[in-house]
């Protein structure tokens, strides 16, 4: 009788997979995890911004009051950004995965697709917290604190009297080596402009490396990110996120931060506002689930809801959605440094 060859055996042997599925994509969402999230209301994200106008003076003995003034107010308005992740799983795929032994992560295929969709959504939102500037998206930090000659939240920064709405922007015009003196000047200028110093700064890993290289290389200056405290409270940034504390400001690396740029943020005045969703339509409660946003490390409450979509054929469909916007309520308490040389 002839031997059974491996080629023949493979036709009848089950394919076993070791352990769980190993995720390969970096979806770490640092800025999204660090900023405070608060519920909003109404058709827009809106707040009142107060500008200079109040009067103070010295006066001669017995002099009548003739000069009067009061601080003016502007309305800052941003439209809601709309984000979602859609997925569907066929009935056959669900049944086959449920009766399979490996890999463990595919046994509940519906839940795995749901969690992967949530992480993909968090990843997209984290990117657009920096770069967003279009309908139905975040108005990101690049627009909110990266420019002095644009309109932010309907307030035109180029209009005389609106200088209070301008952030601090340091741009040498070409790639320039980072120095401690530059950072001290940045922090001091923002304090002079607003009376408040940034408590966190976000940058790419390559910019953080340049900052780290300014220190004595024989000493350890990395800061444990599980002790970062912002207006949100103590933030648990797991997953090996690096940070360096310098002059009272914690510099945190984020893969999505605009390259060669440092974003100085005062977390007291920067937050993500989300719109709490309406109660499910009567009779639809079993097809709706409110849930937390997650990047696989940090749970982020942003009013996320999963909704089952109309079933057509042998496939279950769902979307996870949220209505959100980034609000920089005091731009002059924040700023950026551009053109940091990372070569």
Protein backbone atom coordinates (compact mmCIF):
# COMPACT_ATOMS: atom_id res chain seq x y z
CA UNK A 1 0.00 0.00 0.00
CA UNK A 2 1.40 3.43 -0.93
CA UNK A 3 2.26 6.02 1.73
CA UNK A 4 -0.19 8.87 2.32
CA UNK A 5 1.73 11.96 1.18
CA UNK A 6 1.49 15.37 2.85
CA UNK A 7 -0.22 16.74 -0.25
CA UNK A 8 -3.02 14.24 0.16
CA UNK A 9 -3.16 14.61 3.94
CA UNK A 10 -3.67 18.39 3.71
CA UNK A 11 -6.94 17.80 1.91
CA UNK A 12 -8.47 16.12 4.92
CA UNK A 13 -6.71 17.65 7.93
CA UNK A 14 -8.28 20.68 9.65
CA UNK A 15 -6.31 23.91 9.53
CA UNK A 16 -5.61 25.04 13.10
CA UNK A 17 -4.57 28.58 13.99
CA UNK A 18 -2.48 29.46 17.03
CA UNK A 19 -4.32 31.44 19.70
CA UNK A 20 -6.11 34.65 18.86
CA UNK A 21 -5.92 36.90 15.81
CA UNK A 22 -2.95 39.30 15.96
CA UNK A 23 -3.87 42.89 15.02
CA UNK A 24 -1.33 44.50 12.70
CA UNK A 25 -2.68 48.04 12.29
CA UNK A 26 -1.68 50.91 14.61
CA UNK A 27 -4.95 52.59 15.57
CA UNK A 28 -3.70 54.23 18.77
CA UNK A 29 -5.71 57.44 19.26
CA UNK A 30 -3.75 59.56 21.73
CA UNK A 31 -5.31 63.01 21.30
CA UNK A 32 -8.82 61.55 21.29
CA UNK A 33 -8.03 59.78 24.58
CA UNK A 34 -6.41 62.80 26.24
CA UNK A 35 -8.95 65.55 25.62
CA UNK A 36 -11.98 65.99 27.83
CA UNK A 37 -15.30 64.94 26.26
CA UNK A 38 -18.47 66.80 27.28
CA UNK A 39 -22.10 66.54 26.12
CA UNK A 40 -23.43 69.37 23.98
CA UNK A 41 -26.87 70.50 22.90
CA UNK A 42 -28.74 72.04 20.02
CA UNK A 43 -28.04 72.46 16.34
CA UNK A 44 -24.47 73.77 16.77
CA UNK A 45 -21.52 73.83 19.10
CA UNK A 46 -21.67 77.43 20.33
CA UNK A 47 -20.20 79.54 23.09
CA UNK A 48 -19.76 83.22 23.93
CA UNK A 49 -16.26 84.64 23.55
CA UNK A 50 -15.53 87.79 25.53
CA UNK A 51 -13.10 90.40 24.22
CA UNK A 52 -11.51 93.53 25.64
CA UNK A 53 -13.57 96.67 26.19
CA UNK A 54 -13.82 97.24 29.92
CA UNK A 55 -12.30 100.50 31.16
CA UNK A 56 -9.84 101.14 33.96
CA UNK A 57 -8.32 104.56 34.74
CA UNK A 58 -6.87 106.75 37.43
CA UNK A 59 -8.70 109.99 38.30
CA UNK A 60 -8.12 113.31 40.00
CA UNK A 61 -9.69 114.08 43.36
CA UNK A 62 -13.36 114.97 42.96
CA UNK A 63 -13.37 114.36 39.19
CA UNK A 64 -16.65 113.26 37.62
CA UNK A 65 -16.87 109.95 35.76
CA UNK A 66 -16.98 110.52 32.01
CA UNK A 67 -15.38 107.45 30.43
CA UNK A 68 -17.32 104.20 30.38
CA UNK A 69 -16.71 100.83 28.80
CA UNK A 70 -17.64 97.16 28.90
CA UNK A 71 -16.15 94.00 27.48
CA UNK A 72 -17.67 92.97 24.18
CA UNK A 73 -18.90 89.52 23.26
CA UNK A 74 -18.73 87.48 20.07
CA UNK A 75 -20.56 84.27 19.31
CA UNK A 76 -18.36 81.33 18.35
CA UNK A 77 -20.22 78.67 16.35
CA UNK A 78 -19.15 75.32 14.89
CA UNK A 79 -21.36 72.82 13.09
CA UNK A 80 -21.46 69.22 14.23
CA UNK A 81 -19.12 66.70 12.65
CA UNK A 82 -20.73 63.37 11.76
CA UNK A 83 -18.73 60.14 11.95
CA UNK A 84 -19.69 56.52 11.50
CA UNK A 85 -18.37 53.03 10.81
CA UNK A 86 -20.44 50.50 8.85
CA UNK A 87 -20.05 46.74 8.76
CA UNK A 88 -22.02 43.66 7.79
CA UNK A 89 -21.58 39.91 8.37
CA UNK A 90 -23.35 37.23 6.36
CA UNK A 91 -25.40 34.55 8.06
CA UNK A 92 -23.12 31.83 6.68
CA UNK A 93 -20.01 33.56 8.04
CA UNK A 94 -21.58 33.91 11.48
CA UNK A 95 -22.65 30.26 11.59
CA UNK A 96 -19.30 28.98 10.32
CA UNK A 97 -17.27 31.08 12.75
CA UNK A 98 -19.47 30.09 15.69
CA UNK A 99 -18.75 26.38 15.06
CA UNK A 100 -15.01 26.84 14.47
CA UNK A 101 -12.44 26.24 17.21
CA UNK A 102 -9.70 28.59 15.98
CA UNK A 103 -8.68 31.35 15.79
CA UNK A 104 -10.38 32.35 19.03
CA UNK A 105 -11.04 35.91 17.88
CA UNK A 106 -13.25 34.77 15.02
CA UNK A 107 -15.63 32.61 17.04
CA UNK A 108 -17.79 35.67 17.74
CA UNK A 109 -17.33 37.26 14.32
CA UNK A 110 -20.04 39.89 14.81
CA UNK A 111 -18.46 41.27 17.98
CA UNK A 112 -15.00 41.28 16.40
CA UNK A 113 -16.21 43.29 13.41
CA UNK A 114 -18.01 45.67 15.75
CA UNK A 115 -14.91 46.32 17.87
CA UNK A 116 -12.65 46.64 14.82
CA UNK A 117 -15.11 49.18 13.40
CA UNK A 118 -15.03 51.16 16.65
CA UNK A 119 -11.22 51.25 16.62
CA UNK A 120 -11.13 52.27 12.95
CA UNK A 121 -13.59 55.06 13.75
CA UNK A 122 -11.48 56.25 16.69
CA UNK A 123 -8.40 56.20 14.45
CA UNK A 124 -10.06 58.33 11.76
CA UNK A 125 -11.35 60.82 14.32
CA UNK A 126 -7.92 61.10 15.93
CA UNK A 127 -6.36 61.95 12.56
CA UNK A 128 -8.96 64.60 11.80
CA UNK A 129 -8.61 66.19 15.24
CA UNK A 130 -5.38 67.54 13.75
CA UNK A 131 -6.20 67.97 10.05
CA UNK A 132 -9.98 68.15 9.73
CA UNK A 133 -11.41 71.14 7.84
CA UNK A 134 -14.43 70.16 5.77
CA UNK A 135 -18.18 69.69 6.04
CA UNK A 136 -19.26 67.02 8.52
CA UNK A 137 -15.75 66.78 10.00
CA UNK A 138 -13.81 68.13 12.95
CA UNK A 139 -12.41 71.62 12.60
CA UNK A 140 -9.02 70.37 13.72
CA UNK A 141 -6.15 71.89 15.64
CA UNK A 142 -4.48 72.89 12.38
CA UNK A 143 -7.30 75.37 11.79
CA UNK A 144 -8.15 76.23 15.39
CA UNK A 145 -4.65 76.99 16.71
CA UNK A 146 -2.37 76.63 13.69
CA UNK A 147 -3.31 79.86 11.85
CA UNK A 148 -3.71 83.53 12.72
CA UNK A 149 -5.26 84.78 9.47
CA UNK A 150 -8.31 82.54 9.08
CA UNK A 151 -11.89 82.42 10.35
CA UNK A 152 -12.42 80.02 13.22
CA UNK A 153 -15.87 79.30 14.69
CA UNK A 154 -17.30 82.13 12.51
CA UNK A 155 -14.96 84.75 14.05
CA UNK A 156 -12.61 86.36 11.51
CA UNK A 157 -9.15 86.71 12.98
CA UNK A 158 -8.07 89.29 10.40
CA UNK A 159 -10.66 91.86 11.53
CA UNK A 160 -9.32 94.67 13.71
CA UNK A 161 -10.34 94.04 17.32
CA UNK A 162 -10.36 90.27 16.93
CA UNK A 163 -6.70 89.83 17.77
CA UNK A 164 -7.81 88.20 21.02
CA UNK A 165 -8.96 85.21 18.92
CA UNK A 166 -5.49 84.53 17.51
CA UNK A 167 -3.34 81.65 18.78
CA UNK A 168 0.42 81.80 19.06
CA UNK A 169 2.11 80.51 15.88
CA UNK A 170 5.89 80.20 15.62
CA UNK A 171 6.99 79.42 12.06
CA UNK A 172 10.62 80.09 11.08
CA UNK A 173 9.70 79.38 7.44
CA UNK A 174 12.08 76.46 6.95
CA UNK A 175 13.23 73.39 8.88
CA UNK A 176 14.91 74.63 12.06
CA UNK A 177 16.63 72.69 14.82
CA UNK A 178 14.62 72.56 18.03
CA UNK A 179 16.07 74.18 21.16
CA UNK A 180 15.08 74.51 24.80
CA UNK A 181 15.05 78.29 24.38
CA UNK A 182 12.46 78.03 21.60
CA UNK A 183 10.15 75.98 23.80
CA UNK A 184 10.58 78.33 26.75
CA UNK A 185 9.80 81.28 24.48
CA UNK A 186 6.70 79.52 23.13
CA UNK A 187 5.35 78.76 26.59
CA UNK A 188 6.17 82.23 27.92
CA UNK A 189 4.52 83.97 24.96
CA UNK A 190 1.33 81.95 25.31
CA UNK A 191 1.28 82.78 29.02
CA UNK A 192 1.78 86.48 28.24
CA UNK A 193 -1.04 86.43 25.69
CA UNK A 194 -3.58 84.53 27.77
CA UNK A 195 -2.46 84.41 31.40
CA UNK A 196 -2.41 80.62 31.22
CA UNK A 197 0.31 78.15 30.24
CA UNK A 198 -0.29 75.03 28.10
CA UNK A 199 -0.21 71.85 30.18
CA UNK A 200 0.18 69.36 27.31
CA UNK A 201 1.79 69.41 23.88
CA UNK A 202 1.31 66.88 21.09
CA UNK A 203 3.87 65.98 18.43
CA UNK A 204 4.97 63.12 16.21
CA UNK A 205 7.36 60.47 17.59
CA UNK A 206 10.16 61.99 15.47
CA UNK A 207 9.69 65.45 16.97
CA UNK A 208 9.61 63.90 20.45
CA UNK A 209 12.91 62.19 19.64
CA UNK A 210 14.41 65.58 18.76
CA UNK A 211 13.23 66.99 22.07
CA UNK A 212 14.65 63.99 23.91
CA UNK A 213 18.02 64.44 22.19
CA UNK A 214 18.37 67.88 23.78
CA UNK A 215 18.77 66.25 27.17
CA UNK A 216 21.83 64.45 28.46
CA UNK A 217 21.64 61.09 26.61
CA UNK A 218 23.05 59.31 29.67
CA UNK A 219 19.98 60.15 31.73
CA UNK A 220 16.39 58.91 31.49
CA UNK A 221 13.84 61.66 30.92
CA UNK A 222 10.81 59.77 29.57
CA UNK A 223 7.67 60.52 31.55
CA UNK A 224 5.22 57.80 32.54
CA UNK A 225 2.03 58.52 30.61
CA UNK A 226 -0.12 56.81 33.22
CA UNK A 227 0.47 59.91 35.37
CA UNK A 228 -0.52 62.56 32.81
CA UNK A 229 -3.12 64.84 34.38
CA UNK A 230 -5.23 67.21 32.27
CA UNK A 231 -8.57 68.93 32.69
CA UNK A 232 -10.05 65.48 31.97
CA UNK A 233 -8.34 64.12 35.08
CA UNK A 234 -5.64 61.46 35.20
CA UNK A 235 -5.25 59.97 31.73
CA UNK A 236 -4.17 56.35 31.26
CA UNK A 237 -2.24 56.33 27.98
CA UNK A 238 -1.20 52.72 27.67
CA UNK A 239 0.49 50.93 24.80
CA UNK A 240 3.95 52.42 25.19
CA UNK A 241 3.08 56.03 24.40
CA UNK A 242 6.11 58.24 25.09
CA UNK A 243 6.10 61.58 26.89
CA UNK A 244 8.62 64.10 28.19
CA UNK A 245 7.89 66.76 30.81
CA UNK A 246 9.65 70.09 30.32
CA UNK A 247 8.97 73.42 32.05
CA UNK A 248 5.66 72.12 33.40
CA UNK A 249 4.35 71.01 29.99
CA UNK A 250 4.01 67.31 29.11
CA UNK A 251 5.03 66.57 25.51
CA UNK A 252 3.20 63.47 24.23
CA UNK A 253 3.88 61.58 21.03
CA UNK A 254 0.99 60.83 18.68
CA UNK A 255 1.36 59.00 15.37
CA UNK A 256 -1.28 61.28 13.81
CA UNK A 257 0.23 64.62 14.85
CA UNK A 258 1.24 66.78 11.88
CA UNK A 259 4.89 66.13 11.21
CA UNK A 260 7.48 68.76 12.20
CA UNK A 261 4.88 70.52 14.36
CA UNK A 262 4.30 70.92 18.10
CA UNK A 263 0.73 71.60 19.21
CA UNK A 264 0.64 73.43 22.56
CA UNK A 265 -2.71 72.77 24.22
CA UNK A 266 -4.27 74.17 27.36
CA UNK A 267 -6.62 71.32 28.21
CA UNK A 268 -8.82 73.62 30.29
CA UNK A 269 -9.98 75.36 27.12
CA UNK A 270 -9.90 72.52 24.56
CA UNK A 271 -12.50 69.76 24.58
CA UNK A 272 -14.49 67.42 22.38
CA UNK A 273 -18.20 68.10 22.48
CA UNK A 274 -20.63 65.35 21.49
CA UNK A 275 -24.37 65.42 20.93
CA UNK A 276 -26.26 62.90 23.08
CA UNK A 277 -28.49 60.85 20.80
CA UNK A 278 -32.25 60.69 21.02
CA UNK A 279 -34.01 57.74 22.61
CA UNK A 280 -34.60 54.83 20.21
CA UNK A 281 -37.83 54.84 18.25
CA UNK A 282 -40.54 52.85 20.06
CA UNK A 283 -40.11 49.17 19.35
CA UNK A 284 -36.50 49.53 18.11
CA UNK A 285 -34.72 49.16 21.47
CA UNK A 286 -33.42 45.69 20.64
CA UNK A 287 -31.76 47.03 17.48
CA UNK A 288 -29.92 49.94 19.14
CA UNK A 289 -26.99 49.86 21.57
CA UNK A 290 -25.21 52.85 23.09
CA UNK A 291 -21.53 52.13 23.65
CA UNK A 292 -18.15 53.66 24.42
CA UNK A 293 -15.57 54.68 21.85
CA UNK A 294 -12.32 52.70 22.08
CA UNK A 295 -8.97 52.51 20.30
CA UNK A 296 -8.20 49.15 21.86
CA UNK A 297 -6.55 50.74 24.90
CA UNK A 298 -8.71 53.54 26.28
CA UNK A 299 -12.49 53.76 26.67
CA UNK A 300 -13.65 57.17 25.40
CA UNK A 301 -17.23 58.33 26.12
CA UNK A 302 -18.39 60.11 22.97
CA UNK A 303 -22.06 59.23 22.65
CA UNK A 304 -21.39 56.37 20.22
CA UNK A 305 -24.39 54.30 19.17
CA UNK A 306 -24.65 51.09 17.17
CA UNK A 307 -27.80 50.76 15.07
CA UNK A 308 -28.95 47.75 13.06
CA UNK A 309 -29.69 48.66 9.45
CA UNK A 310 -32.35 47.23 7.16
CA UNK A 311 -31.76 43.53 6.53
CA UNK A 312 -31.60 42.52 2.88
CA UNK A 313 -30.80 38.90 2.23
CA UNK A 314 -28.63 36.66 4.39
CA UNK A 315 -26.55 39.44 5.94
CA UNK A 316 -26.80 41.52 9.12
CA UNK A 317 -25.82 45.17 8.72
CA UNK A 318 -25.03 47.85 11.29
CA UNK A 319 -23.57 51.30 11.67
CA UNK A 320 -21.92 52.99 14.64
CA UNK A 321 -22.31 56.75 14.64
CA UNK A 322 -21.57 59.85 16.68
CA UNK A 323 -22.05 63.62 16.29
CA UNK A 324 -19.01 65.47 17.60
CA UNK A 325 -16.89 68.60 17.26
CA UNK A 326 -13.61 69.93 18.65
CA UNK A 327 -14.06 73.19 20.53
CA UNK A 328 -11.02 75.38 21.27
CA UNK A 329 -12.78 77.85 23.51
CA UNK A 330 -9.75 80.07 24.03
CA UNK A 331 -7.32 79.93 21.09
CA UNK A 332 -4.87 82.44 22.60
CA UNK A 333 -4.17 79.93 25.40
CA UNK A 334 -2.81 77.51 22.77
CA UNK A 335 -0.39 77.60 19.88
CA UNK A 336 1.93 75.72 17.55
CA UNK A 337 5.57 75.58 16.55
CA UNK A 338 6.05 74.64 12.90
CA UNK A 339 9.00 73.52 10.79
CA UNK A 340 10.77 71.56 13.49
CA UNK A 341 13.76 69.89 11.83
CA UNK A 342 13.48 66.09 12.23
CA UNK A 343 16.37 65.17 9.89
